[in-house]
Amino acid sequence: MIIEMEVIQLKKLFGILCCSSVLLLAACSDDEKTSEPDVSIETIKINEENELTIVPLYTQYQQYLNASLETTDAEENKQNFKKYVLDYIGEVGQEEKIDTSLIKTNFLLNPTPHKQQLLKQLDTLINQHDEIKEIIASTYEDSNQILPKKKGMVFVAPYNPEFFYDSEALEGVAGQAYNDTFILFLDTDFDKGVLAHSTAHEYHHLILYDQPEFRLNTILDSVIIEGKADTFADRIVKGVIPPWYAPIDDATMEHIASRVNDYETSHTDFVVGNYQKDMPRWSNYILGRDVLHDYLTAHPELSIPEWTFKEGHEILEGYKYRDVMELEN
């Protein structure tokens, strides 16, 4: 009898605990729903004239994966990516009156056979989105105060797991700028400082792209533009050393400079590196940063807007390795 009563009491207690647990879970579920990051498009007013639109692509990638997880057909996978991701980028660009045709050609914006890995990346990035958004928005705003721009757009996408080997070298952040917009690709272990630095770097590109006389036709153009962008980012985001800031000895720097106009070293050699030609990776960034450092050491009185809009030939006029560059003037 005592045993039966204990069993009955235990059953009652278990029932109460179950009800409590259900209520608790329901409450937690409601809390989780209200605290979930908003991963939709958001336009942020910087001031009365300037604004930033942040476009996370996580949902579009999830839609692509939901349609592709069961298929082994590469063409169907490709078409699903176009339908859910690339076409969406085009729609957003059309609505915002920003040309996104070039952004859709980025090599990282491609389908992947590593679908489960990408799905896990997305879950993590969605949970990190509030922090990601805050870093991008605050850095963009700081940049905008120095070099104002009325309207800009930033796409945020997961780093394609097909190129995981490069993600680590870039500390989980890759970016590329186009007219009025840039895209940031993030791995789940992205470095927060590098994300901020990359945001400022790509923002500076947007400012130069707005200039009627802007050109990016030669390796030397790339050197100057990347040097300016990194120098600007250094001033906006303090104390961050991106992975492409590799220490280079004077002999190597002079060698890189000598390859700028030799017609035998390609832009790819400068970006990716070519060890047969003794060209380290990110040579255009390395040389550009050295050129700007040399110039601003000689002209410390110049403001950021003043040196931002200086012509390349003016910046190179007193550069220590100018003579080996074989420049026309």
C-alpha atoms as a PDB file:
ATOM      1  CA  MET A   1       0.000   0.000   0.000  1.00  0.00           C
ATOM      2  CA  ILE A   2       2.771   2.395   0.870  1.00  0.00           C
ATOM      3  CA  ILE A   3       4.488   1.433  -2.348  1.00  0.00           C
ATOM      4  CA  GLU A   4       1.262   2.071  -4.324  1.00  0.00           C
ATOM      5  CA  MET A   5       0.823   5.488  -2.682  1.00  0.00           C
ATOM      6  CA  GLU A   6       4.422   6.368  -3.426  1.00  0.00           C
ATOM      7  CA  VAL A   7       3.897   5.328  -7.042  1.00  0.00           C
ATOM      8  CA  ILE A   8       0.723   7.439  -7.247  1.00  0.00           C
ATOM      9  CA  GLN A   9       2.521  10.409  -5.676  1.00  0.00           C
ATOM     10  CA  LEU A  10       5.449   9.979  -8.034  1.00  0.00           C
ATOM     11  CA  LYS A  11       3.070   9.868 -10.984  1.00  0.00           C
ATOM     12  CA  LYS A  12       1.401  13.078  -9.803  1.00  0.00           C
ATOM     13  CA  LEU A  13       4.780  14.718  -9.257  1.00  0.00           C
ATOM     14  CA  PHE A  14       5.947  13.552 -12.678  1.00  0.00           C
ATOM     15  CA  GLY A  15       2.783  14.975 -14.213  1.00  0.00           C
ATOM     16  CA  ILE A  16       3.325  18.315 -12.518  1.00  0.00           C
ATOM     17  CA  LEU A  17       6.961  18.384 -13.622  1.00  0.00           C
ATOM     18  CA  CYS A  18       5.978  17.507 -17.190  1.00  0.00           C
ATOM     19  CA  CYS A  19       3.406  20.306 -17.260  1.00  0.00           C
ATOM     20  CA  SER A  20       5.938  22.704 -15.783  1.00  0.00           C
ATOM     21  CA  SER A  21       8.509  21.572 -18.328  1.00  0.00           C
ATOM     22  CA  VAL A  22       6.047  22.071 -21.199  1.00  0.00           C
ATOM     23  CA  LEU A  23       5.201  25.550 -19.950  1.00  0.00           C
ATOM     24  CA  LEU A  24       8.870  26.346 -19.452  1.00  0.00           C
ATOM     25  CA  LEU A  25       9.761  25.083 -22.922  1.00  0.00           C
ATOM     26  CA  ALA A  26       6.878  27.034 -24.405  1.00  0.00           C
ATOM     27  CA  ALA A  27       8.104  30.160 -22.639  1.00  0.00           C
ATOM     28  CA  CYS A  28      11.677  29.517 -23.774  1.00  0.00           C
ATOM     29  CA  SER A  29      10.423  28.885 -27.288  1.00  0.00           C
ATOM     30  CA  ASP A  30       8.614  32.230 -27.290  1.00  0.00           C
ATOM     31  CA  ASP A  31      11.729  33.967 -25.954  1.00  0.00           C
ATOM     32  CA  GLU A  32      13.857  32.355 -28.620  1.00  0.00           C
ATOM     33  CA  LYS A  33      11.453  33.474 -31.308  1.00  0.00           C
ATOM     34  CA  THR A  34      11.522  37.061 -30.108  1.00  0.00           C
ATOM     35  CA  SER A  35      15.301  37.065 -29.760  1.00  0.00           C
ATOM     36  CA  GLU A  36      16.078  35.475 -33.123  1.00  0.00           C
ATOM     37  CA  PRO A  37      18.283  37.697 -35.282  1.00  0.00           C
ATOM     38  CA  ASP A  38      16.463  39.534 -38.046  1.00  0.00           C
ATOM     39  CA  VAL A  39      18.241  38.498 -41.217  1.00  0.00           C
ATOM     40  CA  SER A  40      16.162  40.518 -43.646  1.00  0.00           C
ATOM     41  CA  ILE A  41      17.272  43.553 -45.632  1.00  0.00           C
ATOM     42  CA  GLU A  42      17.824  46.596 -43.450  1.00  0.00           C
ATOM     43  CA  THR A  43      18.394  50.199 -44.491  1.00  0.00           C
ATOM     44  CA  ILE A  44      20.292  52.260 -41.937  1.00  0.00           C
ATOM     45  CA  LYS A  45      20.082  56.064 -42.014  1.00  0.00           C
ATOM     46  CA  ILE A  46      23.518  57.476 -41.270  1.00  0.00           C
ATOM     47  CA  ASN A  47      22.289  61.058 -41.433  1.00  0.00           C
ATOM     48  CA  GLU A  48      19.695  63.057 -43.354  1.00  0.00           C
ATOM     49  CA  GLU A  49      21.528  62.542 -46.648  1.00  0.00           C
ATOM     50  CA  ASN A  50      23.372  59.231 -46.397  1.00  0.00           C
ATOM     51  CA  GLU A  51      22.219  55.653 -45.915  1.00  0.00           C
ATOM     52  CA  LEU A  52      23.445  52.074 -45.974  1.00  0.00           C
ATOM     53  CA  THR A  53      21.471  48.998 -46.995  1.00  0.00           C
ATOM     54  CA  ILE A  54      22.680  45.660 -45.609  1.00  0.00           C
ATOM     55  CA  VAL A  55      21.504  42.594 -47.541  1.00  0.00           C
ATOM     56  CA  PRO A  56      22.167  39.247 -45.796  1.00  0.00           C
ATOM     57  CA  LEU A  57      21.890  36.305 -48.194  1.00  0.00           C
ATOM     58  CA  TYR A  58      21.501  33.520 -45.606  1.00  0.00           C
ATOM     59  CA  THR A  59      17.816  32.859 -46.336  1.00  0.00           C
ATOM     60  CA  GLN A  60      18.454  32.701 -50.063  1.00  0.00           C
ATOM     61  CA  TYR A  61      21.269  30.203 -49.523  1.00  0.00           C
ATOM     62  CA  GLN A  62      18.971  28.120 -47.320  1.00  0.00           C
ATOM     63  CA  GLN A  63      16.323  28.113 -50.056  1.00  0.00           C
ATOM     64  CA  TYR A  64      18.942  27.014 -52.570  1.00  0.00           C
ATOM     65  CA  LEU A  65      20.085  24.205 -50.275  1.00  0.00           C
ATOM     66  CA  ASN A  66      16.545  23.050 -49.503  1.00  0.00           C
ATOM     67  CA  ALA A  67      15.970  22.661 -53.233  1.00  0.00           C
ATOM     68  CA  SER A  68      19.340  20.995 -53.866  1.00  0.00           C
ATOM     69  CA  LEU A  69      20.083  18.718 -50.908  1.00  0.00           C
ATOM     70  CA  GLU A  70      18.496  15.665 -52.525  1.00  0.00           C
ATOM     71  CA  THR A  71      19.869  16.184 -56.028  1.00  0.00           C
ATOM     72  CA  THR A  72      23.159  14.907 -57.380  1.00  0.00           C
ATOM     73  CA  ASP A  73      22.672  16.619 -60.716  1.00  0.00           C
ATOM     74  CA  ALA A  74      25.292  19.384 -61.088  1.00  0.00           C
ATOM     75  CA  GLU A  75      23.211  21.336 -63.598  1.00  0.00           C
ATOM     76  CA  GLU A  76      20.136  21.269 -61.363  1.00  0.00           C
ATOM     77  CA  ASN A  77      22.308  22.419 -58.439  1.00  0.00           C
ATOM     78  CA  LYS A  78      23.598  25.281 -60.583  1.00  0.00           C
ATOM     79  CA  GLN A  79      20.101  26.308 -61.680  1.00  0.00           C
ATOM     80  CA  ASN A  80      18.826  26.281 -58.100  1.00  0.00           C
ATOM     81  CA  PHE A  81      21.683  28.553 -57.039  1.00  0.00           C
ATOM     82  CA  LYS A  82      20.864  30.941 -59.860  1.00  0.00           C
ATOM     83  CA  LYS A  83      17.149  30.917 -59.022  1.00  0.00           C
ATOM     84  CA  TYR A  84      17.415  31.494 -55.291  1.00  0.00           C
ATOM     85  CA  VAL A  85      20.658  33.457 -54.854  1.00  0.00           C
ATOM     86  CA  LEU A  86      21.816  35.174 -58.049  1.00  0.00           C
ATOM     87  CA  ASP A  87      18.358  36.176 -59.258  1.00  0.00           C
ATOM     88  CA  TYR A  88      17.578  37.569 -55.814  1.00  0.00           C
ATOM     89  CA  ILE A  89      20.723  39.727 -55.924  1.00  0.00           C
ATOM     90  CA  GLY A  90      19.548  41.027 -59.290  1.00  0.00           C
ATOM     91  CA  GLU A  91      16.075  41.792 -57.931  1.00  0.00           C
ATOM     92  CA  VAL A  92      17.473  43.718 -54.971  1.00  0.00           C
ATOM     93  CA  GLY A  93      19.778  45.683 -57.245  1.00  0.00           C
ATOM     94  CA  GLN A  94      16.900  46.538 -59.554  1.00  0.00           C
ATOM     95  CA  GLU A  95      14.748  47.699 -56.658  1.00  0.00           C
ATOM     96  CA  GLU A  96      17.556  49.817 -55.211  1.00  0.00           C
ATOM     97  CA  LYS A  97      18.618  51.049 -58.674  1.00  0.00           C
ATOM     98  CA  ILE A  98      22.121  49.589 -58.260  1.00  0.00           C
ATOM     99  CA  ASP A  99      23.797  47.548 -60.992  1.00  0.00           C
ATOM    100  CA  THR A 100      24.552  44.092 -59.586  1.00  0.00           C
ATOM    101  CA  SER A 101      25.478  42.374 -62.862  1.00  0.00           C
ATOM    102  CA  LEU A 102      29.201  42.243 -62.049  1.00  0.00           C
ATOM    103  CA  ILE A 103      28.754  41.137 -58.452  1.00  0.00           C
ATOM    104  CA  LYS A 104      27.001  37.997 -59.701  1.00  0.00           C
ATOM    105  CA  THR A 105      30.156  36.958 -61.572  1.00  0.00           C
ATOM    106  CA  ASN A 106      32.208  36.677 -58.356  1.00  0.00           C
ATOM    107  CA  PHE A 107      33.847  33.248 -58.237  1.00  0.00           C
ATOM    108  CA  LEU A 108      32.710  32.697 -54.643  1.00  0.00           C
ATOM    109  CA  LEU A 109      29.068  33.110 -55.694  1.00  0.00           C
ATOM    110  CA  ASN A 110      28.731  29.579 -56.983  1.00  0.00           C
ATOM    111  CA  PRO A 111      26.971  26.365 -55.935  1.00  0.00           C
ATOM    112  CA  THR A 112      28.910  23.795 -53.939  1.00  0.00           C
ATOM    113  CA  PRO A 113      28.837  20.009 -53.501  1.00  0.00           C
ATOM    114  CA  HIS A 114      29.564  20.560 -49.770  1.00  0.00           C
ATOM    115  CA  LYS A 115      25.914  21.246 -48.993  1.00  0.00           C
ATOM    116  CA  GLN A 116      25.742  19.959 -45.425  1.00  0.00           C
ATOM    117  CA  GLN A 117      28.810  21.966 -44.459  1.00  0.00           C
ATOM    118  CA  LEU A 118      27.301  25.083 -45.984  1.00  0.00           C
ATOM    119  CA  LEU A 119      24.051  24.461 -44.118  1.00  0.00           C
ATOM    120  CA  LYS A 120      25.952  24.372 -40.802  1.00  0.00           C
ATOM    121  CA  GLN A 121      27.790  27.570 -41.726  1.00  0.00           C
ATOM    122  CA  LEU A 122      24.487  29.300 -42.359  1.00  0.00           C
ATOM    123  CA  ASP A 123      23.044  28.308 -38.976  1.00  0.00           C
ATOM    124  CA  THR A 124      26.083  29.763 -37.220  1.00  0.00           C
ATOM    125  CA  LEU A 125      26.179  32.954 -39.300  1.00  0.00           C
ATOM    126  CA  ILE A 126      22.477  33.594 -38.694  1.00  0.00           C
ATOM    127  CA  ASN A 127      23.114  33.428 -34.952  1.00  0.00           C
ATOM    128  CA  GLN A 128      26.052  35.814 -35.380  1.00  0.00           C
ATOM    129  CA  HIS A 129      24.185  38.214 -37.644  1.00  0.00           C
ATOM    130  CA  ASP A 130      23.425  40.923 -35.084  1.00  0.00           C
ATOM    131  CA  GLU A 131      27.129  41.203 -34.298  1.00  0.00           C
ATOM    132  CA  ILE A 132      28.083  41.077 -37.982  1.00  0.00           C
ATOM    133  CA  LYS A 133      25.575  43.815 -38.782  1.00  0.00           C
ATOM    134  CA  GLU A 134      26.840  45.998 -35.936  1.00  0.00           C
ATOM    135  CA  ILE A 135      30.471  45.726 -37.086  1.00  0.00           C
ATOM    136  CA  ILE A 136      29.605  46.532 -40.695  1.00  0.00           C
ATOM    137  CA  ALA A 137      27.223  49.387 -39.856  1.00  0.00           C
ATOM    138  CA  SER A 138      29.489  51.107 -37.317  1.00  0.00           C
ATOM    139  CA  THR A 139      32.569  50.847 -39.561  1.00  0.00           C
ATOM    140  CA  TYR A 140      30.613  52.054 -42.582  1.00  0.00           C
ATOM    141  CA  GLU A 141      29.303  55.004 -40.579  1.00  0.00           C
ATOM    142  CA  ASP A 142      32.807  55.929 -39.365  1.00  0.00           C
ATOM    143  CA  SER A 143      34.057  55.744 -42.965  1.00  0.00           C
ATOM    144  CA  ASN A 144      31.130  57.775 -44.244  1.00  0.00           C
ATOM    145  CA  GLN A 145      31.857  60.611 -41.820  1.00  0.00           C
ATOM    146  CA  ILE A 146      35.305  61.057 -43.370  1.00  0.00           C
ATOM    147  CA  LEU A 147      34.362  60.424 -47.004  1.00  0.00           C
ATOM    148  CA  PRO A 148      30.588  60.891 -47.395  1.00  0.00           C
ATOM    149  CA  LYS A 149      28.569  58.783 -49.823  1.00  0.00           C
ATOM    150  CA  LYS A 150      24.802  59.172 -50.237  1.00  0.00           C
ATOM    151  CA  LYS A 151      23.855  55.566 -50.878  1.00  0.00           C
ATOM    152  CA  GLY A 152      25.657  52.258 -50.514  1.00  0.00           C
ATOM    153  CA  MET A 153      24.793  48.588 -50.247  1.00  0.00           C
ATOM    154  CA  VAL A 154      26.585  45.667 -48.607  1.00  0.00           C
ATOM    155  CA  PHE A 155      25.740  42.037 -49.370  1.00  0.00           C
ATOM    156  CA  VAL A 156      26.711  39.441 -46.746  1.00  0.00           C
ATOM    157  CA  ALA A 157      27.182  35.835 -47.880  1.00  0.00           C
ATOM    158  CA  PRO A 158      28.653  32.636 -46.430  1.00  0.00           C
ATOM    159  CA  TYR A 159      32.165  31.757 -47.542  1.00  0.00           C
ATOM    160  CA  ASN A 160      31.935  29.056 -50.205  1.00  0.00           C
ATOM    161  CA  PRO A 161      33.248  25.853 -48.541  1.00  0.00           C
ATOM    162  CA  GLU A 162      34.785  24.904 -51.882  1.00  0.00           C
ATOM    163  CA  PHE A 163      37.524  27.420 -51.039  1.00  0.00           C
ATOM    164  CA  PHE A 164      37.974  26.581 -47.354  1.00  0.00           C
ATOM    165  CA  TYR A 165      41.774  26.524 -47.788  1.00  0.00           C
ATOM    166  CA  ASP A 166      41.717  30.235 -48.630  1.00  0.00           C
ATOM    167  CA  SER A 167      39.290  31.191 -45.901  1.00  0.00           C
ATOM    168  CA  GLU A 168      41.793  30.394 -43.160  1.00  0.00           C
ATOM    169  CA  ALA A 169      44.514  32.455 -44.851  1.00  0.00           C
ATOM    170  CA  LEU A 170      42.108  35.418 -45.019  1.00  0.00           C
ATOM    171  CA  GLU A 171      40.972  34.942 -41.399  1.00  0.00           C
ATOM    172  CA  GLY A 172      37.461  34.104 -42.547  1.00  0.00           C
ATOM    173  CA  VAL A 173      36.734  37.313 -44.484  1.00  0.00           C
ATOM    174  CA  ALA A 174      36.806  38.085 -48.203  1.00  0.00           C
ATOM    175  CA  GLY A 175      35.382  41.132 -49.944  1.00  0.00           C
ATOM    176  CA  GLN A 176      35.023  42.753 -53.322  1.00  0.00           C
ATOM    177  CA  ALA A 177      33.671  46.163 -54.298  1.00  0.00           C
ATOM    178  CA  TYR A 178      31.648  47.256 -57.310  1.00  0.00           C
ATOM    179  CA  ASN A 179      29.800  50.470 -58.150  1.00  0.00           C
ATOM    180  CA  ASP A 180      27.764  51.522 -55.100  1.00  0.00           C
ATOM    181  CA  THR A 181      27.989  48.079 -53.504  1.00  0.00           C
ATOM    182  CA  PHE A 182      30.348  45.497 -52.108  1.00  0.00           C
ATOM    183  CA  ILE A 183      29.993  41.933 -50.946  1.00  0.00           C
ATOM    184  CA  LEU A 184      31.537  40.321 -47.876  1.00  0.00           C
ATOM    185  CA  PHE A 185      31.979  36.548 -47.649  1.00  0.00           C
ATOM    186  CA  LEU A 186      32.234  35.232 -44.093  1.00  0.00           C
ATOM    187  CA  ASP A 187      33.296  31.942 -42.609  1.00  0.00           C
ATOM    188  CA  THR A 188      31.953  31.058 -39.177  1.00  0.00           C
ATOM    189  CA  ASP A 189      35.288  31.746 -37.444  1.00  0.00           C
ATOM    190  CA  PHE A 190      35.778  35.159 -39.060  1.00  0.00           C
ATOM    191  CA  ASP A 191      38.029  37.618 -37.278  1.00  0.00           C
ATOM    192  CA  LYS A 192      35.988  40.620 -36.082  1.00  0.00           C
ATOM    193  CA  GLY A 193      38.835  43.077 -36.554  1.00  0.00           C
ATOM    194  CA  VAL A 194      39.485  41.874 -40.095  1.00  0.00           C
ATOM    195  CA  LEU A 195      35.754  42.204 -40.870  1.00  0.00           C
ATOM    196  CA  ALA A 196      35.834  45.835 -39.729  1.00  0.00           C
ATOM    197  CA  HIS A 197      39.065  46.532 -41.638  1.00  0.00           C
ATOM    198  CA  SER A 198      37.681  44.899 -44.800  1.00  0.00           C
ATOM    199  CA  THR A 199      34.498  46.970 -44.531  1.00  0.00           C
ATOM    200  CA  ALA A 200      36.493  50.211 -44.393  1.00  0.00           C
ATOM    201  CA  HIS A 201      38.791  48.980 -47.187  1.00  0.00           C
ATOM    202  CA  GLU A 202      35.903  48.167 -49.540  1.00  0.00           C
ATOM    203  CA  TYR A 203      34.132  51.413 -48.619  1.00  0.00           C
ATOM    204  CA  HIS A 204      37.140  53.384 -49.838  1.00  0.00           C
ATOM    205  CA  HIS A 205      36.880  51.593 -53.175  1.00  0.00           C
ATOM    206  CA  LEU A 206      33.262  52.778 -53.474  1.00  0.00           C
ATOM    207  CA  ILE A 207      34.399  56.371 -53.029  1.00  0.00           C
ATOM    208  CA  LEU A 208      36.986  56.091 -55.809  1.00  0.00           C
ATOM    209  CA  TYR A 209      34.567  54.250 -58.101  1.00  0.00           C
ATOM    210  CA  ASP A 210      32.301  57.309 -57.876  1.00  0.00           C
ATOM    211  CA  GLN A 211      34.955  59.524 -59.462  1.00  0.00           C
ATOM    212  CA  PRO A 212      34.449  60.199 -63.197  1.00  0.00           C
ATOM    213  CA  GLU A 213      38.188  59.839 -63.863  1.00  0.00           C
ATOM    214  CA  PHE A 214      38.454  56.499 -62.037  1.00  0.00           C
ATOM    215  CA  ARG A 215      40.259  53.739 -63.910  1.00  0.00           C
ATOM    216  CA  LEU A 216      41.473  50.281 -63.067  1.00  0.00           C
ATOM    217  CA  ASN A 217      43.237  49.201 -66.231  1.00  0.00           C
ATOM    218  CA  THR A 218      46.777  48.423 -65.140  1.00  0.00           C
ATOM    219  CA  ILE A 219      48.687  46.705 -62.365  1.00  0.00           C
ATOM    220  CA  LEU A 220      49.907  50.121 -61.240  1.00  0.00           C
ATOM    221  CA  ASP A 221      46.284  51.315 -60.924  1.00  0.00           C
ATOM    222  CA  SER A 222      45.603  48.303 -58.690  1.00  0.00           C
ATOM    223  CA  VAL A 223      48.682  49.001 -56.569  1.00  0.00           C
ATOM    224  CA  ILE A 224      47.654  52.612 -55.901  1.00  0.00           C
ATOM    225  CA  ILE A 225      43.980  51.814 -55.296  1.00  0.00           C
ATOM    226  CA  GLU A 226      44.664  48.943 -52.879  1.00  0.00           C
ATOM    227  CA  GLY A 227      47.329  50.995 -51.110  1.00  0.00           C
ATOM    228  CA  LYS A 228      44.871  53.838 -50.603  1.00  0.00           C
ATOM    229  CA  ALA A 229      42.127  51.494 -49.372  1.00  0.00           C
ATOM    230  CA  ASP A 230      44.371  49.785 -46.830  1.00  0.00           C
ATOM    231  CA  THR A 231      45.796  53.093 -45.603  1.00  0.00           C
ATOM    232  CA  PHE A 232      42.263  54.429 -45.162  1.00  0.00           C
ATOM    233  CA  ALA A 233      41.179  51.274 -43.307  1.00  0.00           C
ATOM    234  CA  ASP A 234      44.189  51.598 -40.982  1.00  0.00           C
ATOM    235  CA  ARG A 235      42.952  55.026 -39.959  1.00  0.00           C
ATOM    236  CA  ILE A 236      39.329  53.992 -39.461  1.00  0.00           C
ATOM    237  CA  VAL A 237      39.988  50.689 -37.673  1.00  0.00           C
ATOM    238  CA  LYS A 238      42.858  50.976 -35.227  1.00  0.00           C
ATOM    239  CA  GLY A 239      45.171  48.156 -34.213  1.00  0.00           C
ATOM    240  CA  VAL A 240      44.113  45.539 -36.774  1.00  0.00           C
ATOM    241  CA  ILE A 241      46.745  43.756 -38.840  1.00  0.00           C
ATOM    242  CA  PRO A 242      45.091  41.929 -41.764  1.00  0.00           C
ATOM    243  CA  PRO A 243      46.761  38.736 -43.041  1.00  0.00           C
ATOM    244  CA  TRP A 244      47.995  40.415 -46.227  1.00  0.00           C
ATOM    245  CA  TYR A 245      50.209  42.778 -44.197  1.00  0.00           C
ATOM    246  CA  ALA A 246      53.139  40.397 -44.527  1.00  0.00           C
ATOM    247  CA  PRO A 247      56.542  41.850 -43.541  1.00  0.00           C
ATOM    248  CA  ILE A 248      58.720  42.238 -46.635  1.00  0.00           C
ATOM    249  CA  ASP A 249      62.437  43.028 -46.799  1.00  0.00           C
ATOM    250  CA  ASP A 250      63.696  45.913 -48.930  1.00  0.00           C
ATOM    251  CA  ALA A 251      65.153  43.688 -51.661  1.00  0.00           C
ATOM    252  CA  THR A 252      61.813  41.906 -52.163  1.00  0.00           C
ATOM    253  CA  MET A 253      59.916  45.201 -52.163  1.00  0.00           C
ATOM    254  CA  GLU A 254      62.220  46.590 -54.846  1.00  0.00           C
ATOM    255  CA  HIS A 255      61.783  43.385 -56.859  1.00  0.00           C
ATOM    256  CA  ILE A 256      57.976  43.674 -56.664  1.00  0.00           C
ATOM    257  CA  ALA A 257      58.204  47.298 -57.789  1.00  0.00           C
ATOM    258  CA  SER A 258      60.355  46.298 -60.749  1.00  0.00           C
ATOM    259  CA  ARG A 259      57.628  43.913 -61.940  1.00  0.00           C
ATOM    260  CA  VAL A 260      54.865  46.538 -62.129  1.00  0.00           C
ATOM    261  CA  ASN A 261      55.475  47.468 -65.763  1.00  0.00           C
ATOM    262  CA  ASP A 262      57.580  44.635 -67.157  1.00  0.00           C
ATOM    263  CA  TYR A 263      54.757  43.148 -69.304  1.00  0.00           C
ATOM    264  CA  GLU A 264      55.745  39.676 -68.139  1.00  0.00           C
ATOM    265  CA  THR A 265      54.063  39.695 -64.723  1.00  0.00           C
ATOM    266  CA  SER A 266      50.274  39.494 -64.720  1.00  0.00           C
ATOM    267  CA  HIS A 267      47.750  40.944 -62.328  1.00  0.00           C
ATOM    268  CA  THR A 268      47.097  37.380 -61.155  1.00  0.00           C
ATOM    269  CA  ASP A 269      50.806  37.041 -60.311  1.00  0.00           C
ATOM    270  CA  PHE A 270      50.515  40.165 -58.161  1.00  0.00           C
ATOM    271  CA  VAL A 271      47.386  38.975 -56.323  1.00  0.00           C
ATOM    272  CA  VAL A 272      47.853  35.211 -56.028  1.00  0.00           C
ATOM    273  CA  GLY A 273      51.651  35.157 -56.135  1.00  0.00           C
ATOM    274  CA  ASN A 274      54.095  33.450 -58.472  1.00  0.00           C
ATOM    275  CA  TYR A 275      57.086  31.893 -56.792  1.00  0.00           C
ATOM    276  CA  GLN A 276      58.795  31.166 -60.092  1.00  0.00           C
ATOM    277  CA  LYS A 277      58.963  34.937 -60.509  1.00  0.00           C
ATOM    278  CA  ASP A 278      59.679  35.513 -56.795  1.00  0.00           C
ATOM    279  CA  MET A 279      56.348  37.265 -56.398  1.00  0.00           C
ATOM    280  CA  PRO A 280      54.733  36.797 -52.959  1.00  0.00           C
ATOM    281  CA  ARG A 281      50.982  36.622 -52.621  1.00  0.00           C
ATOM    282  CA  TRP A 282      49.170  39.963 -52.323  1.00  0.00           C
ATOM    283  CA  SER A 283      52.078  41.828 -53.925  1.00  0.00           C
ATOM    284  CA  ASN A 284      49.818  44.640 -55.151  1.00  0.00           C
ATOM    285  CA  TYR A 285      48.574  45.223 -51.582  1.00  0.00           C
ATOM    286  CA  ILE A 286      52.080  45.004 -50.139  1.00  0.00           C
ATOM    287  CA  LEU A 287      53.537  47.431 -52.672  1.00  0.00           C
ATOM    288  CA  GLY A 288      50.547  49.780 -52.519  1.00  0.00           C
ATOM    289  CA  ARG A 289      50.763  50.069 -48.766  1.00  0.00           C
ATOM    290  CA  ASP A 290      54.495  50.814 -48.990  1.00  0.00           C
ATOM    291  CA  VAL A 291      53.932  53.474 -51.665  1.00  0.00           C
ATOM    292  CA  LEU A 292      51.290  55.251 -49.541  1.00  0.00           C
ATOM    293  CA  HIS A 293      53.391  54.954 -46.379  1.00  0.00           C
ATOM    294  CA  ASP A 294      56.335  56.513 -48.194  1.00  0.00           C
ATOM    295  CA  TYR A 295      54.194  59.317 -49.595  1.00  0.00           C
ATOM    296  CA  LEU A 296      52.385  60.174 -46.352  1.00  0.00           C
ATOM    297  CA  THR A 297      55.634  60.107 -44.377  1.00  0.00           C
ATOM    298  CA  ALA A 298      56.833  62.870 -46.696  1.00  0.00           C
ATOM    299  CA  HIS A 299      53.440  64.674 -46.577  1.00  0.00           C
ATOM    300  CA  PRO A 300      51.994  64.213 -43.074  1.00  0.00           C
ATOM    301  CA  GLU A 301      49.964  67.414 -43.379  1.00  0.00           C
ATOM    302  CA  LEU A 302      47.565  65.914 -45.943  1.00  0.00           C
ATOM    303  CA  SER A 303      44.047  64.991 -44.830  1.00  0.00           C
ATOM    304  CA  ILE A 304      42.405  61.720 -45.843  1.00  0.00           C
ATOM    305  CA  PRO A 305      40.252  63.358 -48.554  1.00  0.00           C
ATOM    306  CA  GLU A 306      43.317  65.173 -49.925  1.00  0.00           C
ATOM    307  CA  TRP A 307      45.428  62.056 -50.478  1.00  0.00           C
ATOM    308  CA  THR A 308      42.423  59.929 -51.451  1.00  0.00           C
ATOM    309  CA  PHE A 309      41.911  61.994 -54.588  1.00  0.00           C
ATOM    310  CA  LYS A 310      45.585  62.490 -55.457  1.00  0.00           C
ATOM    311  CA  GLU A 311      46.597  61.148 -58.852  1.00  0.00           C
ATOM    312  CA  GLY A 312      48.813  58.088 -58.853  1.00  0.00           C
ATOM    313  CA  HIS A 313      51.696  59.843 -60.603  1.00  0.00           C
ATOM    314  CA  GLU A 314      51.759  62.495 -57.859  1.00  0.00           C
ATOM    315  CA  ILE A 315      51.891  59.847 -55.132  1.00  0.00           C
ATOM    316  CA  LEU A 316      54.684  57.994 -56.943  1.00  0.00           C
ATOM    317  CA  GLU A 317      56.754  61.087 -57.687  1.00  0.00           C
ATOM    318  CA  GLY A 318      59.138  60.678 -54.749  1.00  0.00           C
ATOM    319  CA  TYR A 319      58.750  56.953 -54.158  1.00  0.00           C
ATOM    320  CA  LYS A 320      62.055  55.283 -53.323  1.00  0.00           C
ATOM    321  CA  TYR A 321      61.628  52.493 -55.919  1.00  0.00           C
ATOM    322  CA  ARG A 322      60.075  54.622 -58.627  1.00  0.00           C
ATOM    323  CA  ASP A 323      63.115  54.319 -60.891  1.00  0.00           C
ATOM    324  CA  VAL A 324      62.828  50.522 -61.157  1.00  0.00           C
ATOM    325  CA  MET A 325      59.147  50.682 -62.133  1.00  0.00           C
ATOM    326  CA  GLU A 326      59.913  51.696 -65.737  1.00  0.00           C
ATOM    327  CA  LEU A 327      57.133  54.301 -65.721  1.00  0.00           C
ATOM    328  CA  GLU A 328      56.483  56.333 -68.853  1.00  0.00           C
ATOM    329  CA  ASN A 329      56.571  59.657 -67.017  1.00  0.00           C
END
